[in-house]
């Protein structure tokens, strides 16, 4: 297979749940001249589909079938996209939102995109980063969720020193290798109010965070913490840190979406290729109404192009 350099990275895009807003926000981004100048966009559907004209393909993708069919199609597209990315036919993936109930009804047993990407690429660990390269407060904010979709009562038994070290290491490596930050600065957001205030409000900071910080320091990763949640994000947006590791979902997502909704991007760290996704769901209630905002999808494509760099990849003649 011939190898040749390209001037633009080639970004594969899945359309997500066909009943949701994925098809229309992808169509909007594909028609954006600024995006087209920075990346070549390739729609990836289930095996057997071909890439025709945007309106034709997206129109044919739209489905009025039930949950199970929609979820099965969305999962098949993700499965194929992973194969295409691993083979080098695209430089990065952008995935439109899926409906998890439909996804599971369609026969897929992964909790969501992130776990499917991890298992089908064969990597041992991934991290879920919410990245906004610009926020309402000016500076960028990047938040990694050490634990993701868990009941709050389960977080205390899940968070561990090993997990914090793993997630901080994945973050450090991604910031260095993908973002080009030579010496990333990472903050660990505390688990308890006021970082437990010397043990008054819990012992996780002493029992879990202290050994994690020691291990990270020995490995040469610049990590600060534990820093209380009520101050760490302000300090990050002000430029003191390149990323924050949040111990659980809402303590990371609430401040992130407050300052970045519409410009935020979900990034999976630890994969063999960059993968991004908009920071919202399928919005089934407004799909087809013309009210869907493509801003986050646009940012997801822009960031995927930036993270992919200028790769030399195989030239292929067959449609994806």
Protein backbone atom coordinates (compact mmCIF):
# COMPACT_ATOMS: atom_id res chain seq x y z
CA UNK A 1 0.00 0.00 0.00
CA UNK A 2 1.45 3.36 -0.99
CA UNK A 3 2.43 5.85 1.70
CA UNK A 4 2.28 9.58 1.09
CA UNK A 5 2.15 12.69 3.27
CA UNK A 6 -1.01 14.75 3.39
CA UNK A 7 -1.36 18.42 4.07
CA UNK A 8 -4.40 17.91 6.30
CA UNK A 9 -5.06 15.21 8.90
CA UNK A 10 -7.80 12.77 7.96
CA UNK A 11 -10.48 12.63 10.65
CA UNK A 12 -13.00 9.79 10.82
CA UNK A 13 -16.43 10.71 12.17
CA UNK A 14 -19.22 8.46 13.40
CA UNK A 15 -22.76 9.83 13.48
CA UNK A 16 -23.81 8.41 16.84
CA UNK A 17 -27.43 7.43 17.49
CA UNK A 18 -29.21 7.92 14.15
CA UNK A 19 -32.32 9.28 15.90
CA UNK A 20 -30.38 12.01 17.71
CA UNK A 21 -28.73 15.25 16.69
CA UNK A 22 -25.49 13.55 15.61
CA UNK A 23 -26.25 13.47 11.88
CA UNK A 24 -27.24 17.15 11.72
CA UNK A 25 -24.33 18.52 13.76
CA UNK A 26 -21.91 16.46 11.66
CA UNK A 27 -23.53 17.86 8.50
CA UNK A 28 -23.12 21.40 9.86
CA UNK A 29 -19.45 20.84 10.63
CA UNK A 30 -18.77 19.26 7.24
CA UNK A 31 -20.12 22.38 5.56
CA UNK A 32 -17.91 24.67 7.66
CA UNK A 33 -15.16 26.06 5.39
CA UNK A 34 -12.79 26.75 8.29
CA UNK A 35 -13.03 23.13 9.45
CA UNK A 36 -12.57 21.84 5.90
CA UNK A 37 -9.36 23.82 5.57
CA UNK A 38 -7.87 22.19 8.68
CA UNK A 39 -8.95 18.58 8.20
CA UNK A 40 -10.33 16.06 5.73
CA UNK A 41 -13.52 14.63 7.23
CA UNK A 42 -14.61 11.06 6.49
CA UNK A 43 -17.94 9.65 7.64
CA UNK A 44 -17.71 6.11 8.99
CA UNK A 45 -20.82 3.97 9.21
CA UNK A 46 -21.40 0.25 9.79
CA UNK A 47 -19.61 -2.17 7.47
CA UNK A 48 -21.25 -2.23 4.04
CA UNK A 49 -22.11 1.47 3.92
CA UNK A 50 -20.33 3.81 1.56
CA UNK A 51 -19.44 7.47 1.67
CA UNK A 52 -21.61 9.38 -0.78
CA UNK A 53 -22.67 13.00 -0.84
CA UNK A 54 -23.08 14.37 2.70
CA UNK A 55 -26.81 15.10 2.45
CA UNK A 56 -27.53 11.76 0.84
CA UNK A 57 -25.53 9.74 3.35
CA UNK A 58 -26.75 11.56 6.41
CA UNK A 59 -30.31 11.37 5.17
CA UNK A 60 -30.06 7.63 4.64
CA UNK A 61 -28.52 7.22 8.09
CA UNK A 62 -31.48 8.81 9.83
CA UNK A 63 -33.61 6.02 11.22
CA UNK A 64 -37.07 5.82 12.71
CA UNK A 65 -36.39 2.34 14.01
CA UNK A 66 -36.60 1.52 17.70
CA UNK A 67 -33.96 1.67 20.39
CA UNK A 68 -32.35 -1.68 19.66
CA UNK A 69 -31.82 -1.03 15.94
CA UNK A 70 -30.50 2.46 16.54
CA UNK A 71 -28.12 1.22 19.22
CA UNK A 72 -26.91 -1.69 17.10
CA UNK A 73 -26.14 0.62 14.15
CA UNK A 74 -24.33 3.12 16.38
CA UNK A 75 -22.21 0.34 17.89
CA UNK A 76 -21.36 -1.17 14.51
CA UNK A 77 -20.15 2.22 13.31
CA UNK A 78 -17.90 2.63 16.37
CA UNK A 79 -16.54 -0.88 15.88
CA UNK A 80 -15.70 -0.14 12.26
CA UNK A 81 -14.22 3.26 13.09
CA UNK A 82 -11.81 1.68 15.57
CA UNK A 83 -10.69 -0.81 12.93
CA UNK A 84 -10.21 1.99 10.38
CA UNK A 85 -8.17 4.07 12.85
CA UNK A 86 -6.00 1.13 13.91
CA UNK A 87 -5.22 0.36 10.26
CA UNK A 88 -4.01 3.93 9.73
CA UNK A 89 -6.69 4.98 7.25
CA UNK A 90 -7.58 7.96 9.43
CA UNK A 91 -5.42 9.97 11.82
CA UNK A 92 -8.04 10.51 14.53
CA UNK A 93 -11.64 9.72 15.42
CA UNK A 94 -14.51 12.00 16.39
CA UNK A 95 -17.62 10.27 17.69
CA UNK A 96 -21.10 11.78 17.83
CA UNK A 97 -23.22 11.01 20.93
CA UNK A 98 -24.89 7.66 21.50
CA UNK A 99 -27.93 6.82 23.59
CA UNK A 100 -26.62 4.32 26.16
CA UNK A 101 -29.98 2.61 26.70
CA UNK A 102 -30.32 2.04 22.95
CA UNK A 103 -26.67 0.99 22.71
CA UNK A 104 -27.20 -1.70 25.34
CA UNK A 105 -30.53 -2.77 23.83
CA UNK A 106 -28.69 -3.20 20.53
CA UNK A 107 -26.50 -5.90 22.05
CA UNK A 108 -23.41 -3.94 23.09
CA UNK A 109 -22.21 -4.70 26.59
CA UNK A 110 -19.80 -1.81 27.08
CA UNK A 111 -20.82 0.99 29.48
CA UNK A 112 -20.12 3.50 26.70
CA UNK A 113 -17.70 4.78 24.05
CA UNK A 114 -14.67 4.97 26.34
CA UNK A 115 -14.76 1.37 27.49
CA UNK A 116 -15.46 0.09 23.97
CA UNK A 117 -12.50 2.04 22.62
CA UNK A 118 -10.26 0.69 25.39
CA UNK A 119 -11.22 -2.93 24.93
CA UNK A 120 -11.24 -3.02 21.12
CA UNK A 121 -7.87 -1.28 20.86
CA UNK A 122 -6.36 -3.62 23.45
CA UNK A 123 -4.90 -0.92 25.71
CA UNK A 124 -4.73 -1.57 29.43
CA UNK A 125 -5.99 1.78 30.68
CA UNK A 126 -7.56 4.98 29.41
CA UNK A 127 -8.50 8.32 30.92
CA UNK A 128 -11.51 10.53 30.23
CA UNK A 129 -10.46 14.15 29.81
CA UNK A 130 -12.83 17.07 29.34
CA UNK A 131 -10.85 19.71 27.46
CA UNK A 132 -11.70 23.30 26.64
CA UNK A 133 -8.87 25.16 24.96
CA UNK A 134 -10.82 28.37 25.56
CA UNK A 135 -13.32 29.11 28.31
CA UNK A 136 -15.60 31.93 29.37
CA UNK A 137 -12.87 32.96 31.81
CA UNK A 138 -10.25 33.07 29.09
CA UNK A 139 -7.66 30.38 29.80
CA UNK A 140 -7.97 26.70 28.94
CA UNK A 141 -9.34 24.09 31.34
CA UNK A 142 -8.62 20.37 31.09
CA UNK A 143 -10.22 18.04 33.63
CA UNK A 144 -9.58 14.29 33.89
CA UNK A 145 -12.19 12.24 35.73
CA UNK A 146 -10.38 9.63 37.84
CA UNK A 147 -13.71 7.84 38.27
CA UNK A 148 -16.51 8.35 35.79
CA UNK A 149 -20.09 7.08 35.91
CA UNK A 150 -20.36 5.69 39.43
CA UNK A 151 -22.90 6.23 42.22
CA UNK A 152 -21.40 8.71 44.66
CA UNK A 153 -21.49 6.08 47.43
CA UNK A 154 -19.15 3.88 45.36
CA UNK A 155 -16.48 6.50 44.74
CA UNK A 156 -14.82 6.23 48.16
CA UNK A 157 -14.17 2.51 47.70
CA UNK A 158 -12.96 2.98 44.11
CA UNK A 159 -10.51 5.85 44.41
CA UNK A 160 -6.99 4.65 45.23
CA UNK A 161 -3.38 5.80 45.08
CA UNK A 162 -2.75 3.46 42.14
CA UNK A 163 -5.71 4.92 40.24
CA UNK A 164 -4.54 8.49 40.80
CA UNK A 165 -1.03 7.59 39.66
CA UNK A 166 -2.39 5.85 36.56
CA UNK A 167 -4.66 8.72 35.58
CA UNK A 168 -2.04 11.40 36.25
CA UNK A 169 0.54 9.46 34.23
CA UNK A 170 -1.81 9.09 31.25
CA UNK A 171 -2.56 12.82 31.51
CA UNK A 172 1.11 13.77 31.69
CA UNK A 173 1.99 11.61 28.67
CA UNK A 174 -0.90 12.98 26.58
CA UNK A 175 -0.10 16.62 27.40
CA UNK A 176 3.53 16.03 26.51
CA UNK A 177 3.07 13.89 23.39
CA UNK A 178 -0.21 15.25 21.94
CA UNK A 179 -0.47 18.81 23.21
CA UNK A 180 3.26 19.47 22.97
CA UNK A 181 3.60 20.73 26.56
CA UNK A 182 7.19 19.87 27.48
CA UNK A 183 6.69 19.84 31.26
CA UNK A 184 2.99 19.41 32.09
CA UNK A 185 1.78 20.70 35.44
CA UNK A 186 -0.98 18.59 36.97
CA UNK A 187 -3.17 19.33 39.99
CA UNK A 188 -4.96 16.71 42.08
CA UNK A 189 -8.37 17.95 43.18
CA UNK A 190 -9.02 16.94 46.79
CA UNK A 191 -11.58 14.31 47.70
CA UNK A 192 -12.96 15.96 50.85
CA UNK A 193 -13.99 19.55 51.64
CA UNK A 194 -10.96 21.72 52.44
CA UNK A 195 -8.74 18.73 51.52
CA UNK A 196 -10.00 17.14 54.80
CA UNK A 197 -8.59 20.02 56.92
CA UNK A 198 -5.95 17.89 58.60
CA UNK A 199 -8.21 14.86 58.97
CA UNK A 200 -11.31 16.60 60.33
CA UNK A 201 -13.41 15.68 57.29
CA UNK A 202 -11.93 12.35 56.22
CA UNK A 203 -8.62 10.56 55.73
CA UNK A 204 -8.45 10.07 51.94
CA UNK A 205 -5.99 12.92 51.48
CA UNK A 206 -3.49 11.35 53.91
CA UNK A 207 -4.23 7.70 53.13
CA UNK A 208 -4.59 7.87 49.31
CA UNK A 209 -3.32 11.18 47.97
CA UNK A 210 -0.05 11.34 49.92
CA UNK A 211 1.37 8.05 48.57
CA UNK A 212 0.12 8.90 45.06
CA UNK A 213 1.90 12.26 45.14
CA UNK A 214 5.07 10.61 46.42
CA UNK A 215 5.02 8.02 43.61
CA UNK A 216 4.35 10.67 40.96
CA UNK A 217 7.16 12.82 42.27
CA UNK A 218 9.59 9.90 42.09
CA UNK A 219 8.58 9.33 38.46
CA UNK A 220 9.28 12.96 37.57
CA UNK A 221 5.68 14.02 36.98
CA UNK A 222 5.00 17.58 38.19
CA UNK A 223 1.95 17.09 40.40
CA UNK A 224 0.49 19.40 43.06
CA UNK A 225 -2.17 18.61 45.63
CA UNK A 226 -4.45 17.79 47.12
CA UNK A 227 -6.03 21.16 46.34
CA UNK A 228 -9.62 21.84 47.50
CA UNK A 229 -12.23 21.74 44.75
CA UNK A 230 -13.37 25.28 45.51
CA UNK A 231 -10.03 26.74 44.39
CA UNK A 232 -8.25 24.30 42.07
CA UNK A 233 -10.26 25.11 38.93
CA UNK A 234 -9.83 28.87 39.30
CA UNK A 235 -6.09 28.32 39.59
CA UNK A 236 -6.07 26.07 36.52
CA UNK A 237 -7.95 28.57 34.34
CA UNK A 238 -5.55 31.27 35.53
CA UNK A 239 -2.72 29.23 34.00
CA UNK A 240 -1.16 27.64 37.07
CA UNK A 241 -1.91 24.07 35.94
CA UNK A 242 -2.26 22.37 32.55
CA UNK A 243 -4.79 19.81 33.83
CA UNK A 244 -6.75 18.85 36.94
CA UNK A 245 -7.45 15.27 38.06
CA UNK A 246 -10.94 15.20 39.60
CA UNK A 247 -11.76 12.30 41.94
CA UNK A 248 -15.34 11.85 40.74
CA UNK A 249 -17.70 12.88 37.97
CA UNK A 250 -19.67 15.87 39.22
CA UNK A 251 -16.83 17.57 41.10
CA UNK A 252 -15.11 17.78 37.71
CA UNK A 253 -18.00 18.22 35.31
CA UNK A 254 -19.91 20.94 37.17
CA UNK A 255 -17.14 23.55 37.07
CA UNK A 256 -16.02 22.43 33.61
CA UNK A 257 -19.38 22.90 31.94
CA UNK A 258 -20.02 26.14 33.82
CA UNK A 259 -17.06 27.81 32.10
CA UNK A 260 -16.94 25.92 28.80
CA UNK A 261 -20.35 24.67 27.66
CA UNK A 262 -20.35 24.72 23.87
CA UNK A 263 -16.57 24.69 23.58
CA UNK A 264 -15.85 21.61 25.68
CA UNK A 265 -14.60 18.36 24.18
CA UNK A 266 -14.43 14.82 25.56
CA UNK A 267 -10.98 13.30 24.85
CA UNK A 268 -9.98 9.69 25.49
CA UNK A 269 -6.36 9.48 26.63
CA UNK A 270 -4.23 6.36 26.29
CA UNK A 271 -5.44 5.16 22.87
CA UNK A 272 -3.14 4.54 19.86
CA UNK A 273 -4.89 7.44 18.10
CA UNK A 274 -6.64 10.67 19.20
CA UNK A 275 -10.36 10.37 19.89
CA UNK A 276 -12.65 13.28 20.70
CA UNK A 277 -16.40 13.79 21.12
CA UNK A 278 -18.71 16.73 21.86
CA UNK A 279 -19.54 17.36 25.52
CA UNK A 280 -23.30 16.76 25.18
CA UNK A 281 -25.72 13.92 24.56
CA UNK A 282 -28.04 12.83 21.75
CA UNK A 283 -30.75 15.46 22.48
CA UNK A 284 -33.44 13.16 21.08
CA UNK A 285 -36.10 15.71 22.02
CA UNK A 286 -34.84 18.34 19.53
CA UNK A 287 -33.42 16.10 16.79
CA UNK A 288 -34.57 17.23 13.36
CA UNK A 289 -35.94 20.55 14.63
CA UNK A 290 -33.02 22.65 13.40
CA UNK A 291 -32.15 23.78 16.94
CA UNK A 292 -29.07 21.62 17.49
CA UNK A 293 -25.92 23.64 18.18
CA UNK A 294 -22.86 22.22 16.37
CA UNK A 295 -20.33 24.28 18.38
CA UNK A 296 -19.02 21.45 20.55
CA UNK A 297 -18.78 19.08 17.56
CA UNK A 298 -16.83 21.77 15.69
CA UNK A 299 -14.42 22.05 18.63
CA UNK A 300 -14.13 18.25 18.78
CA UNK A 301 -13.03 18.14 15.13
CA UNK A 302 -10.61 21.04 15.57
CA UNK A 303 -9.00 19.44 18.60
CA UNK A 304 -8.79 16.03 16.92
CA UNK A 305 -6.98 17.66 14.00
CA UNK A 306 -4.61 19.45 16.36
CA UNK A 307 -3.86 16.33 18.39
CA UNK A 308 -3.33 14.16 15.32
CA UNK A 309 -0.53 16.31 13.92
CA UNK A 310 0.71 15.84 10.37
CA UNK A 311 0.94 12.07 9.99
CA UNK A 312 2.10 9.93 7.10
CA UNK A 313 -0.69 7.43 6.58
CA UNK A 314 -1.71 4.81 3.99
CA UNK A 315 -3.50 6.01 0.87
CA UNK A 316 -6.65 3.97 0.31
CA UNK A 317 -8.96 3.93 -2.67
CA UNK A 318 -11.89 2.07 -1.15
CA UNK A 319 -14.65 4.10 0.55
CA UNK A 320 -14.83 4.03 4.31
